[in-house]
Amino acid sequence: MSRGLKPAALRPATHALGRWSLSPRIDWPTARRRVELATRFPGPPRGTAVRPVRIGGVAAEELTPPHRAEGVLVYFHGGGYVVGSPRSHRSLVGRMAGALGLRAISVAY
């Protein structure tokens, strides 16, 4: 039997969170802050090292899973150049890095 919440149980909460964080009644700086808050948890998998880096003068975040192979995943978050950041996508990128066994670079732009 599967542990954790079922997708159907999560839908109302994620829908409400999406409406709150990307409401058309708020300005973009507020939307950015709300997206950062809404995506703070659950975070990357336990044991993933996270550190800020600069690559070619561009800010980024490096996520290194405990067990990794050679290679690098470079991740460019979505958000239409308005919302989103390495912080808001840390959980997703950390999980991808762990599943692939690769160090990941999440670019800030």
PDB file of N, CA and C in Angstrom:
ATOM      1  N   MET A   1       0.835  -1.184   0.000  1.00  0.00           N
ATOM      2  CA  MET A   1       0.000   0.000   0.000  1.00  0.00           C
ATOM      3  C   MET A   1       0.879   1.246   0.000  1.00  0.00           C
ATOM      4  N   SER A   2       0.504   2.225  -0.769  1.00  0.00           N
ATOM      5  CA  SER A   2       1.278   3.453  -0.915  1.00  0.00           C
ATOM      6  C   SER A   2       1.094   4.369   0.290  1.00  0.00           C
ATOM      7  N   ARG A   3       2.186   4.979   0.713  1.00  0.00           N
ATOM      8  CA  ARG A   3       2.116   5.966   1.790  1.00  0.00           C
ATOM      9  C   ARG A   3       2.051   7.352   1.199  1.00  0.00           C
ATOM     10  N   GLY A   4       1.654   8.311   2.009  1.00  0.00           N
ATOM     11  CA  GLY A   4       1.608   9.681   1.548  1.00  0.00           C
ATOM     12  C   GLY A   4       0.230  10.066   1.051  1.00  0.00           C
ATOM     13  N   LEU A   5       0.127  11.308   0.653  1.00  0.00           N
ATOM     14  CA  LEU A   5      -1.151  11.831   0.186  1.00  0.00           C
ATOM     15  C   LEU A   5      -1.436  11.406  -1.247  1.00  0.00           C
ATOM     16  N   LYS A   6      -2.668  11.176  -1.525  1.00  0.00           N
ATOM     17  CA  LYS A   6      -3.097  10.834  -2.874  1.00  0.00           C
ATOM     18  C   LYS A   6      -3.236  12.125  -3.687  1.00  0.00           C
ATOM     19  N   PRO A   7      -2.997  12.075  -5.002  1.00  0.00           N
ATOM     20  CA  PRO A   7      -3.126  13.272  -5.830  1.00  0.00           C
ATOM     21  C   PRO A   7      -4.474  13.979  -5.680  1.00  0.00           C
ATOM     22  N   ALA A   8      -5.552  13.223  -5.590  1.00  0.00           N
ATOM     23  CA  ALA A   8      -6.879  13.837  -5.449  1.00  0.00           C
ATOM     24  C   ALA A   8      -6.979  14.659  -4.163  1.00  0.00           C
ATOM     25  N   ALA A   9      -6.284  14.232  -3.125  1.00  0.00           N
ATOM     26  CA  ALA A   9      -6.307  14.966  -1.859  1.00  0.00           C
ATOM     27  C   ALA A   9      -5.497  16.257  -1.948  1.00  0.00           C
ATOM     28  N   LEU A  10      -4.519  16.284  -2.838  1.00  0.00           N
ATOM     29  CA  LEU A  10      -3.663  17.465  -2.967  1.00  0.00           C
ATOM     30  C   LEU A  10      -4.239  18.534  -3.886  1.00  0.00           C
ATOM     31  N   ARG A  11      -5.098  18.146  -4.803  1.00  0.00           N
ATOM     32  CA  ARG A  11      -5.600  19.095  -5.805  1.00  0.00           C
ATOM     33  C   ARG A  11      -6.209  20.365  -5.216  1.00  0.00           C
ATOM     34  N   PRO A  12      -7.135  20.279  -4.250  1.00  0.00           N
ATOM     35  CA  PRO A  12      -7.716  21.522  -3.716  1.00  0.00           C
ATOM     36  C   PRO A  12      -6.666  22.455  -3.120  1.00  0.00           C
ATOM     37  N   ALA A  13      -5.712  21.892  -2.389  1.00  0.00           N
ATOM     38  CA  ALA A  13      -4.678  22.723  -1.765  1.00  0.00           C
ATOM     39  C   ALA A  13      -3.769  23.359  -2.806  1.00  0.00           C
ATOM     40  N   THR A  14      -3.340  22.584  -3.803  1.00  0.00           N
ATOM     41  CA  THR A  14      -2.445  23.150  -4.809  1.00  0.00           C
ATOM     42  C   THR A  14      -3.166  24.167  -5.680  1.00  0.00           C
ATOM     43  N   HIS A  15      -4.445  23.940  -5.931  1.00  0.00           N
ATOM     44  CA  HIS A  15      -5.223  24.910  -6.710  1.00  0.00           C
ATOM     45  C   HIS A  15      -5.330  26.233  -5.946  1.00  0.00           C
ATOM     46  N   ALA A  16      -5.652  26.155  -4.660  1.00  0.00           N
ATOM     47  CA  ALA A  16      -5.760  27.369  -3.839  1.00  0.00           C
ATOM     48  C   ALA A  16      -4.414  28.079  -3.735  1.00  0.00           C
ATOM     49  N   LEU A  17      -3.345  27.326  -3.576  1.00  0.00           N
ATOM     50  CA  LEU A  17      -2.008  27.911  -3.480  1.00  0.00           C
ATOM     51  C   LEU A  17      -1.628  28.605  -4.783  1.00  0.00           C
ATOM     52  N   GLY A  18      -1.955  27.989  -5.905  1.00  0.00           N
ATOM     53  CA  GLY A  18      -1.692  28.608  -7.203  1.00  0.00           C
ATOM     54  C   GLY A  18      -2.470  29.901  -7.394  1.00  0.00           C
ATOM     55  N   ARG A  19      -3.735  29.889  -7.003  1.00  0.00           N
ATOM     56  CA  ARG A  19      -4.549  31.120  -7.122  1.00  0.00           C
ATOM     57  C   ARG A  19      -3.988  32.217  -6.228  1.00  0.00           C
ATOM     58  N   TRP A  20      -3.542  31.862  -5.014  1.00  0.00           N
ATOM     59  CA  TRP A  20      -3.001  32.849  -4.089  1.00  0.00           C
ATOM     60  C   TRP A  20      -1.679  33.414  -4.598  1.00  0.00           C
ATOM     61  N   SER A  21      -0.790  32.548  -5.081  1.00  0.00           N
ATOM     62  CA  SER A  21       0.545  33.012  -5.450  1.00  0.00           C
ATOM     63  C   SER A  21       0.587  33.724  -6.797  1.00  0.00           C
ATOM     64  N   LEU A  22      -0.349  33.435  -7.688  1.00  0.00           N
ATOM     65  CA  LEU A  22      -0.333  34.061  -9.019  1.00  0.00           C
ATOM     66  C   LEU A  22      -1.618  34.826  -9.309  1.00  0.00           C
ATOM     67  N   SER A  23      -2.182  35.426  -8.291  1.00  0.00           N
ATOM     68  CA  SER A  23      -3.420  36.192  -8.444  1.00  0.00           C
ATOM     69  C   SER A  23      -3.221  37.365  -9.408  1.00  0.00           C
ATOM     70  N   PRO A  24      -4.175  37.622 -10.301  1.00  0.00           N
ATOM     71  CA  PRO A  24      -4.055  38.778 -11.200  1.00  0.00           C
ATOM     72  C   PRO A  24      -4.216  40.113 -10.464  1.00  0.00           C
ATOM     73  N   ARG A  25      -4.606  40.060  -9.203  1.00  0.00           N
ATOM     74  CA  ARG A  25      -4.808  41.293  -8.422  1.00  0.00           C
ATOM     75  C   ARG A  25      -3.537  41.786  -7.729  1.00  0.00           C
ATOM     76  N   ILE A  26      -2.435  41.057  -7.864  1.00  0.00           N
ATOM     77  CA  ILE A  26      -1.202  41.467  -7.192  1.00  0.00           C
ATOM     78  C   ILE A  26      -0.142  41.847  -8.225  1.00  0.00           C
ATOM     79  N   ASP A  27       0.843  42.633  -7.780  1.00  0.00           N
ATOM     80  CA  ASP A  27       1.922  43.017  -8.699  1.00  0.00           C
ATOM     81  C   ASP A  27       2.955  41.876  -8.790  1.00  0.00           C
ATOM     82  N   TRP A  28       3.856  41.984  -9.775  1.00  0.00           N
ATOM     83  CA  TRP A  28       4.811  40.898 -10.012  1.00  0.00           C
ATOM     84  C   TRP A  28       5.792  40.693  -8.860  1.00  0.00           C
ATOM     85  N   PRO A  29       6.297  41.742  -8.210  1.00  0.00           N
ATOM     86  CA  PRO A  29       7.182  41.488  -7.068  1.00  0.00           C
ATOM     87  C   PRO A  29       6.485  40.676  -5.963  1.00  0.00           C
ATOM     88  N   THR A  30       5.213  40.955  -5.728  1.00  0.00           N
ATOM     89  CA  THR A  30       4.457  40.192  -4.730  1.00  0.00           C
ATOM     90  C   THR A  30       4.273  38.756  -5.196  1.00  0.00           C
ATOM     91  N   ALA A  31       3.990  38.565  -6.479  1.00  0.00           N
ATOM     92  CA  ALA A  31       3.842  37.215  -7.026  1.00  0.00           C
ATOM     93  C   ALA A  31       5.138  36.434  -6.855  1.00  0.00           C
ATOM     94  N   ARG A  32       6.271  37.079  -7.130  1.00  0.00           N
ATOM     95  CA  ARG A  32       7.564  36.406  -6.966  1.00  0.00           C
ATOM     96  C   ARG A  32       7.763  35.948  -5.523  1.00  0.00           C
ATOM     97  N   ARG A  33       7.478  36.852  -4.567  1.00  0.00           N
ATOM     98  CA  ARG A  33       7.633  36.503  -3.151  1.00  0.00           C
ATOM     99  C   ARG A  33       6.707  35.355  -2.765  1.00  0.00           C
ATOM    100  N   ARG A  34       5.471  35.385  -3.252  1.00  0.00           N
ATOM    101  CA  ARG A  34       4.518  34.331  -2.916  1.00  0.00           C
ATOM    102  C   ARG A  34       4.926  32.987  -3.516  1.00  0.00           C
ATOM    103  N   VAL A  35       5.441  32.995  -4.736  1.00  0.00           N
ATOM    104  CA  VAL A  35       5.903  31.741  -5.342  1.00  0.00           C
ATOM    105  C   VAL A  35       7.063  31.178  -4.519  1.00  0.00           C
ATOM    106  N   GLU A  36       7.977  32.039  -4.091  1.00  0.00           N
ATOM    107  CA  GLU A  36       9.099  31.584  -3.258  1.00  0.00           C
ATOM    108  C   GLU A  36       8.583  30.951  -1.962  1.00  0.00           C
ATOM    109  N   LEU A  37       7.594  31.571  -1.323  1.00  0.00           N
ATOM    110  CA  LEU A  37       7.031  31.012  -0.099  1.00  0.00           C
ATOM    111  C   LEU A  37       6.313  29.697  -0.361  1.00  0.00           C
ATOM    112  N   ALA A  38       5.529  29.659  -1.426  1.00  0.00           N
ATOM    113  CA  ALA A  38       4.715  28.482  -1.729  1.00  0.00           C
ATOM    114  C   ALA A  38       5.556  27.262  -2.068  1.00  0.00           C
ATOM    115  N   THR A  39       6.777  27.473  -2.543  1.00  0.00           N
ATOM    116  CA  THR A  39       7.614  26.353  -2.983  1.00  0.00           C
ATOM    117  C   THR A  39       8.764  26.055  -2.015  1.00  0.00           C
ATOM    118  N   ARG A  40       8.741  26.655  -0.855  1.00  0.00           N
ATOM    119  CA  ARG A  40       9.826  26.461   0.124  1.00  0.00           C
ATOM    120  C   ARG A  40       9.924  25.007   0.594  1.00  0.00           C
ATOM    121  N   PHE A  41       8.800  24.334   0.705  1.00  0.00           N
ATOM    122  CA  PHE A  41       8.785  22.953   1.177  1.00  0.00           C
ATOM    123  C   PHE A  41       8.267  22.054   0.072  1.00  0.00           C
ATOM    124  N   PRO A  42       8.728  20.856  -0.111  1.00  0.00           N
ATOM    125  CA  PRO A  42       9.475  20.067   0.842  1.00  0.00           C
ATOM    126  C   PRO A  42      10.984  20.243   0.767  1.00  0.00           C
ATOM    127  N   GLY A  43      11.521  20.925  -0.214  1.00  0.00           N
ATOM    128  CA  GLY A  43      12.968  21.071  -0.335  1.00  0.00           C
ATOM    129  C   GLY A  43      13.584  19.890  -1.057  1.00  0.00           C
ATOM    130  N   PRO A  44      14.893  19.939  -1.261  1.00  0.00           N
ATOM    131  CA  PRO A  44      15.562  18.830  -1.967  1.00  0.00           C
ATOM    132  C   PRO A  44      15.638  17.595  -1.072  1.00  0.00           C
ATOM    133  N   PRO A  45      15.915  16.445  -1.643  1.00  0.00           N
ATOM    134  CA  PRO A  45      16.038  15.228  -0.834  1.00  0.00           C
ATOM    135  C   PRO A  45      17.141  15.363   0.218  1.00  0.00           C
ATOM    136  N   ARG A  46      16.952  14.669   1.313  1.00  0.00           N
ATOM    137  CA  ARG A  46      17.937  14.669   2.400  1.00  0.00           C
ATOM    138  C   ARG A  46      19.301  14.233   1.865  1.00  0.00           C
ATOM    139  N   GLY A  47      20.330  14.938   2.275  1.00  0.00           N
ATOM    140  CA  GLY A  47      21.690  14.602   1.847  1.00  0.00           C
ATOM    141  C   GLY A  47      22.151  15.368   0.619  1.00  0.00           C
ATOM    142  N   THR A  48      21.244  16.113  -0.022  1.00  0.00           N
ATOM    143  CA  THR A  48      21.620  16.902  -1.198  1.00  0.00           C
ATOM    144  C   THR A  48      22.319  18.175  -0.743  1.00  0.00           C
ATOM    145  N   ALA A  49      23.518  18.404  -1.241  1.00  0.00           N
ATOM    146  CA  ALA A  49      24.257  19.633  -0.924  1.00  0.00           C
ATOM    147  C   ALA A  49      23.793  20.738  -1.865  1.00  0.00           C
ATOM    148  N   VAL A  50      23.512  21.903  -1.295  1.00  0.00           N
ATOM    149  CA  VAL A  50      23.054  23.054  -2.080  1.00  0.00           C
ATOM    150  C   VAL A  50      23.995  24.219  -1.792  1.00  0.00           C
ATOM    151  N   ARG A  51      24.503  24.834  -2.878  1.00  0.00           N
ATOM    152  CA  ARG A  51      25.374  25.996  -2.665  1.00  0.00           C
ATOM    153  C   ARG A  51      25.237  26.973  -3.823  1.00  0.00           C
ATOM    154  N   PRO A  52      25.338  28.261  -3.517  1.00  0.00           N
ATOM    155  CA  PRO A  52      25.287  29.264  -4.587  1.00  0.00           C
ATOM    156  C   PRO A  52      26.596  29.244  -5.373  1.00  0.00           C
ATOM    157  N   VAL A  53      26.496  29.437  -6.680  1.00  0.00           N
ATOM    158  CA  VAL A  53      27.670  29.497  -7.550  1.00  0.00           C
ATOM    159  C   VAL A  53      27.450  30.589  -8.596  1.00  0.00           C
ATOM    160  N   ARG A  54      28.536  30.969  -9.255  1.00  0.00           N
ATOM    161  CA  ARG A  54      28.466  31.871 -10.407  1.00  0.00           C
ATOM    162  C   ARG A  54      29.163  31.162 -11.549  1.00  0.00           C
ATOM    163  N   ILE A  55      28.513  31.125 -12.681  1.00  0.00           N
ATOM    164  CA  ILE A  55      29.087  30.472 -13.854  1.00  0.00           C
ATOM    165  C   ILE A  55      29.080  31.485 -14.986  1.00  0.00           C
ATOM    166  N   GLY A  56      30.250  31.882 -15.428  1.00  0.00           N
ATOM    167  CA  GLY A  56      30.340  32.892 -16.473  1.00  0.00           C
ATOM    168  C   GLY A  56      29.686  34.205 -16.070  1.00  0.00           C
ATOM    169  N   GLY A  57      29.740  34.525 -14.783  1.00  0.00           N
ATOM    170  CA  GLY A  57      29.146  35.758 -14.282  1.00  0.00           C
ATOM    171  C   GLY A  57      27.658  35.658 -13.996  1.00  0.00           C
ATOM    172  N   VAL A  58      27.055  34.499 -14.226  1.00  0.00           N
ATOM    173  CA  VAL A  58      25.617  34.307 -14.010  1.00  0.00           C
ATOM    174  C   VAL A  58      25.407  33.554 -12.698  1.00  0.00           C
ATOM    175  N   ALA A  59      24.512  34.079 -11.862  1.00  0.00           N
ATOM    176  CA  ALA A  59      24.205  33.418 -10.601  1.00  0.00           C
ATOM    177  C   ALA A  59      23.471  32.109 -10.864  1.00  0.00           C
ATOM    178  N   ALA A  60      23.766  31.124 -10.035  1.00  0.00           N
ATOM    179  CA  ALA A  60      23.119  29.817 -10.153  1.00  0.00           C
ATOM    180  C   ALA A  60      23.196  29.133  -8.797  1.00  0.00           C
ATOM    181  N   GLU A  61      22.558  27.987  -8.727  1.00  0.00           N
ATOM    182  CA  GLU A  61      22.598  27.167  -7.532  1.00  0.00           C
ATOM    183  C   GLU A  61      23.059  25.776  -7.947  1.00  0.00           C
ATOM    184  N   GLU A  62      24.009  25.230  -7.213  1.00  0.00           N
ATOM    185  CA  GLU A  62      24.508  23.886  -7.492  1.00  0.00           C
ATOM    186  C   GLU A  62      23.909  22.925  -6.474  1.00  0.00           C
ATOM    187  N   LEU A  63      23.319  21.842  -6.966  1.00  0.00           N
ATOM    188  CA  LEU A  63      22.743  20.807  -6.110  1.00  0.00           C
ATOM    189  C   LEU A  63      23.473  19.505  -6.394  1.00  0.00           C
ATOM    190  N   THR A  64      24.031  18.918  -5.354  1.00  0.00           N
ATOM    191  CA  THR A  64      24.813  17.697  -5.509  1.00  0.00           C
ATOM    192  C   THR A  64      24.206  16.600  -4.650  1.00  0.00           C
ATOM    193  N   PRO A  65      23.673  15.545  -5.291  1.00  0.00           N
ATOM    194  CA  PRO A  65      23.119  14.434  -4.509  1.00  0.00           C
ATOM    195  C   PRO A  65      24.241  13.633  -3.861  1.00  0.00           C
ATOM    196  N   PRO A  66      23.921  12.859  -2.822  1.00  0.00           N
ATOM    197  CA  PRO A  66      24.960  12.106  -2.128  1.00  0.00           C
ATOM    198  C   PRO A  66      25.696  11.109  -3.025  1.00  0.00           C
ATOM    199  N   HIS A  67      24.994  10.484  -3.939  1.00  0.00           N
ATOM    200  CA  HIS A  67      25.615   9.512  -4.843  1.00  0.00           C
ATOM    201  C   HIS A  67      25.441  10.039  -6.249  1.00  0.00           C
ATOM    202  N   ARG A  68      26.562  10.291  -6.910  1.00  0.00           N
ATOM    203  CA  ARG A  68      26.438  10.860  -8.252  1.00  0.00           C
ATOM    204  C   ARG A  68      27.468  10.282  -9.199  1.00  0.00           C
ATOM    205  N   ALA A  69      27.108  10.341 -10.480  1.00  0.00           N
ATOM    206  CA  ALA A  69      27.986   9.897 -11.558  1.00  0.00           C
ATOM    207  C   ALA A  69      28.565  11.142 -12.231  1.00  0.00           C
ATOM    208  N   GLU A  70      29.399  10.928 -13.226  1.00  0.00           N
ATOM    209  CA  GLU A  70      29.931  12.049 -13.996  1.00  0.00           C
ATOM    210  C   GLU A  70      28.797  12.659 -14.820  1.00  0.00           C
ATOM    211  N   GLY A  71      28.854  13.940 -15.014  1.00  0.00           N
ATOM    212  CA  GLY A  71      27.853  14.625 -15.814  1.00  0.00           C
ATOM    213  C   GLY A  71      27.168  15.710 -14.994  1.00  0.00           C
ATOM    214  N   VAL A  72      26.518  16.612 -15.703  1.00  0.00           N
ATOM    215  CA  VAL A  72      25.855  17.742 -15.067  1.00  0.00           C
ATOM    216  C   VAL A  72      24.502  17.966 -15.731  1.00  0.00           C
ATOM    217  N   LEU A  73      23.494  18.173 -14.921  1.00  0.00           N
ATOM    218  CA  LEU A  73      22.173  18.576 -15.393  1.00  0.00           C
ATOM    219  C   LEU A  73      22.103  20.093 -15.271  1.00  0.00           C
ATOM    220  N   VAL A  74      21.822  20.795 -16.350  1.00  0.00           N
ATOM    221  CA  VAL A  74      21.643  22.246 -16.301  1.00  0.00           C
ATOM    222  C   VAL A  74      20.151  22.507 -16.434  1.00  0.00           C
ATOM    223  N   TYR A  75      19.583  23.225 -15.453  1.00  0.00           N
ATOM    224  CA  TYR A  75      18.144  23.435 -15.396  1.00  0.00           C
ATOM    225  C   TYR A  75      17.812  24.921 -15.497  1.00  0.00           C
ATOM    226  N   PHE A  76      16.933  25.256 -16.434  1.00  0.00           N
ATOM    227  CA  PHE A  76      16.416  26.617 -16.585  1.00  0.00           C
ATOM    228  C   PHE A  76      14.943  26.580 -16.202  1.00  0.00           C
ATOM    229  N   HIS A  77      14.590  27.207 -15.078  1.00  0.00           N
ATOM    230  CA  HIS A  77      13.214  27.171 -14.588  1.00  0.00           C
ATOM    231  C   HIS A  77      12.270  27.930 -15.520  1.00  0.00           C
ATOM    232  N   GLY A  78      11.001  27.613 -15.405  1.00  0.00           N
ATOM    233  CA  GLY A  78       9.967  28.338 -16.142  1.00  0.00           C
ATOM    234  C   GLY A  78       9.560  29.588 -15.370  1.00  0.00           C
ATOM    235  N   GLY A  79       8.555  30.259 -15.853  1.00  0.00           N
ATOM    236  CA  GLY A  79       8.044  31.437 -15.160  1.00  0.00           C
ATOM    237  C   GLY A  79       7.963  32.665 -16.038  1.00  0.00           C
ATOM    238  N   GLY A  80       8.212  32.507 -17.324  1.00  0.00           N
ATOM    239  CA  GLY A  80       8.059  33.622 -18.258  1.00  0.00           C
ATOM    240  C   GLY A  80       8.933  34.825 -17.948  1.00  0.00           C
ATOM    241  N   TYR A  81      10.116  34.612 -17.390  1.00  0.00           N
ATOM    242  CA  TYR A  81      11.034  35.699 -17.006  1.00  0.00           C
ATOM    243  C   TYR A  81      10.427  36.630 -15.973  1.00  0.00           C
ATOM    244  N   VAL A  82       9.385  36.170 -15.268  1.00  0.00           N
ATOM    245  CA  VAL A  82       8.711  37.016 -14.289  1.00  0.00           C
ATOM    246  C   VAL A  82       8.747  36.397 -12.897  1.00  0.00           C
ATOM    247  N   VAL A  83       8.393  35.126 -12.791  1.00  0.00           N
ATOM    248  CA  VAL A  83       8.410  34.442 -11.502  1.00  0.00           C
ATOM    249  C   VAL A  83       9.284  33.192 -11.623  1.00  0.00           C
ATOM    250  N   GLY A  84       9.674  32.666 -10.509  1.00  0.00           N
ATOM    251  CA  GLY A  84      10.500  31.473 -10.485  1.00  0.00           C
ATOM    252  C   GLY A  84      11.959  31.816 -10.252  1.00  0.00           C
ATOM    253  N   SER A  85      12.671  30.853  -9.668  1.00  0.00           N
ATOM    254  CA  SER A  85      14.085  31.046  -9.347  1.00  0.00           C
ATOM    255  C   SER A  85      14.685  29.684  -9.023  1.00  0.00           C
ATOM    256  N   PRO A  86      15.994  29.614  -8.844  1.00  0.00           N
ATOM    257  CA  PRO A  86      16.560  28.361  -8.377  1.00  0.00           C
ATOM    258  C   PRO A  86      15.946  27.930  -7.037  1.00  0.00           C
ATOM    259  N   ARG A  87      15.640  28.889  -6.180  1.00  0.00           N
ATOM    260  CA  ARG A  87      15.044  28.570  -4.878  1.00  0.00           C
ATOM    261  C   ARG A  87      13.662  27.957  -5.043  1.00  0.00           C
ATOM    262  N   SER A  88      12.853  28.522  -5.938  1.00  0.00           N
ATOM    263  CA  SER A  88      11.493  28.014  -6.099  1.00  0.00           C
ATOM    264  C   SER A  88      11.456  26.644  -6.755  1.00  0.00           C
ATOM    265  N   HIS A  89      12.523  26.276  -7.437  1.00  0.00           N
ATOM    266  CA  HIS A  89      12.585  24.982  -8.116  1.00  0.00           C
ATOM    267  C   HIS A  89      13.571  24.010  -7.453  1.00  0.00           C
ATOM    268  N   ARG A  90      14.035  24.358  -6.244  1.00  0.00           N
ATOM    269  CA  ARG A  90      15.043  23.556  -5.557  1.00  0.00           C
ATOM    270  C   ARG A  90      14.590  22.109  -5.321  1.00  0.00           C
ATOM    271  N   SER A  91      13.353  21.933  -4.906  1.00  0.00           N
ATOM    272  CA  SER A  91      12.852  20.581  -4.657  1.00  0.00           C
ATOM    273  C   SER A  91      12.854  19.759  -5.939  1.00  0.00           C
ATOM    274  N   LEU A  92      12.293  20.315  -7.006  1.00  0.00           N
ATOM    275  CA  LEU A  92      12.226  19.609  -8.287  1.00  0.00           C
ATOM    276  C   LEU A  92      13.624  19.272  -8.809  1.00  0.00           C
ATOM    277  N   VAL A  93      14.509  20.255  -8.834  1.00  0.00           N
ATOM    278  CA  VAL A  93      15.854  20.045  -9.377  1.00  0.00           C
ATOM    279  C   VAL A  93      16.634  19.066  -8.500  1.00  0.00           C
ATOM    280  N   GLY A  94      16.480  19.172  -7.188  1.00  0.00           N
ATOM    281  CA  GLY A  94      17.149  18.242  -6.286  1.00  0.00           C
ATOM    282  C   GLY A  94      16.687  16.811  -6.500  1.00  0.00           C
ATOM    283  N   ARG A  95      15.400  16.641  -6.730  1.00  0.00           N
ATOM    284  CA  ARG A  95      14.873  15.292  -6.965  1.00  0.00           C
ATOM    285  C   ARG A  95      15.327  14.750  -8.321  1.00  0.00           C
ATOM    286  N   MET A  96      15.361  15.611  -9.321  1.00  0.00           N
ATOM    287  CA  MET A  96      15.854  15.180 -10.633  1.00  0.00           C
ATOM    288  C   MET A  96      17.329  14.793 -10.535  1.00  0.00           C
ATOM    289  N   ALA A  97      18.129  15.608  -9.847  1.00  0.00           N
ATOM    290  CA  ALA A  97      19.559  15.316  -9.704  1.00  0.00           C
ATOM    291  C   ALA A  97      19.760  13.974  -9.002  1.00  0.00           C
ATOM    292  N   GLY A  98      18.993  13.742  -7.942  1.00  0.00           N
ATOM    293  CA  GLY A  98      19.107  12.483  -7.220  1.00  0.00           C
ATOM    294  C   GLY A  98      18.691  11.291  -8.066  1.00  0.00           C
ATOM    295  N   ALA A  99      17.593  11.432  -8.800  1.00  0.00           N
ATOM    296  CA  ALA A  99      17.102  10.329  -9.633  1.00  0.00           C
ATOM    297  C   ALA A  99      18.076  10.005 -10.763  1.00  0.00           C
ATOM    298  N   LEU A 100      18.696  11.051 -11.314  1.00  0.00           N
ATOM    299  CA  LEU A 100      19.631  10.854 -12.414  1.00  0.00           C
ATOM    300  C   LEU A 100      21.052  10.562 -11.938  1.00  0.00           C
ATOM    301  N   GLY A 101      21.312  10.857 -10.662  1.00  0.00           N
ATOM    302  CA  GLY A 101      22.659  10.674 -10.134  1.00  0.00           C
ATOM    303  C   GLY A 101      23.637  11.690 -10.675  1.00  0.00           C
ATOM    304  N   LEU A 102      23.149  12.912 -10.932  1.00  0.00           N
ATOM    305  CA  LEU A 102      23.992  13.954 -11.509  1.00  0.00           C
ATOM    306  C   LEU A 102      24.032  15.184 -10.620  1.00  0.00           C
ATOM    307  N   ARG A 103      25.126  15.906 -10.679  1.00  0.00           N
ATOM    308  CA  ARG A 103      25.196  17.251 -10.092  1.00  0.00           C
ATOM    309  C   ARG A 103      24.313  18.130 -10.965  1.00  0.00           C
ATOM    310  N   ALA A 104      23.578  19.064 -10.358  1.00  0.00           N
ATOM    311  CA  ALA A 104      22.684  19.932 -11.124  1.00  0.00           C
ATOM    312  C   ALA A 104      23.051  21.389 -10.907  1.00  0.00           C
ATOM    313  N   ILE A 105      22.907  22.159 -11.966  1.00  0.00           N
ATOM    314  CA  ILE A 105      23.080  23.607 -11.913  1.00  0.00           C
ATOM    315  C   ILE A 105      21.740  24.208 -12.294  1.00  0.00           C
ATOM    316  N   SER A 106      21.159  24.975 -11.359  1.00  0.00           N
ATOM    317  CA  SER A 106      19.889  25.645 -11.593  1.00  0.00           C
ATOM    318  C   SER A 106      20.188  27.129 -11.802  1.00  0.00           C
ATOM    319  N   VAL A 107      19.936  27.628 -13.000  1.00  0.00           N
ATOM    320  CA  VAL A 107      20.362  28.974 -13.393  1.00  0.00           C
ATOM    321  C   VAL A 107      19.357  30.032 -12.926  1.00  0.00           C
ATOM    322  N   ALA A 108      19.887  31.135 -12.407  1.00  0.00           N
ATOM    323  CA  ALA A 108      19.059  32.280 -11.986  1.00  0.00           C
ATOM    324  C   ALA A 108      19.068  33.312 -13.108  1.00  0.00           C
ATOM    325  N   TYR A 109      17.897  33.717 -13.535  1.00  0.00           N
ATOM    326  CA  TYR A 109      17.803  34.738 -14.587  1.00  0.00           C
ATOM    327  C   TYR A 109      16.532  35.528 -14.450  1.00  0.00           C
TER     328      TYR A 109
END
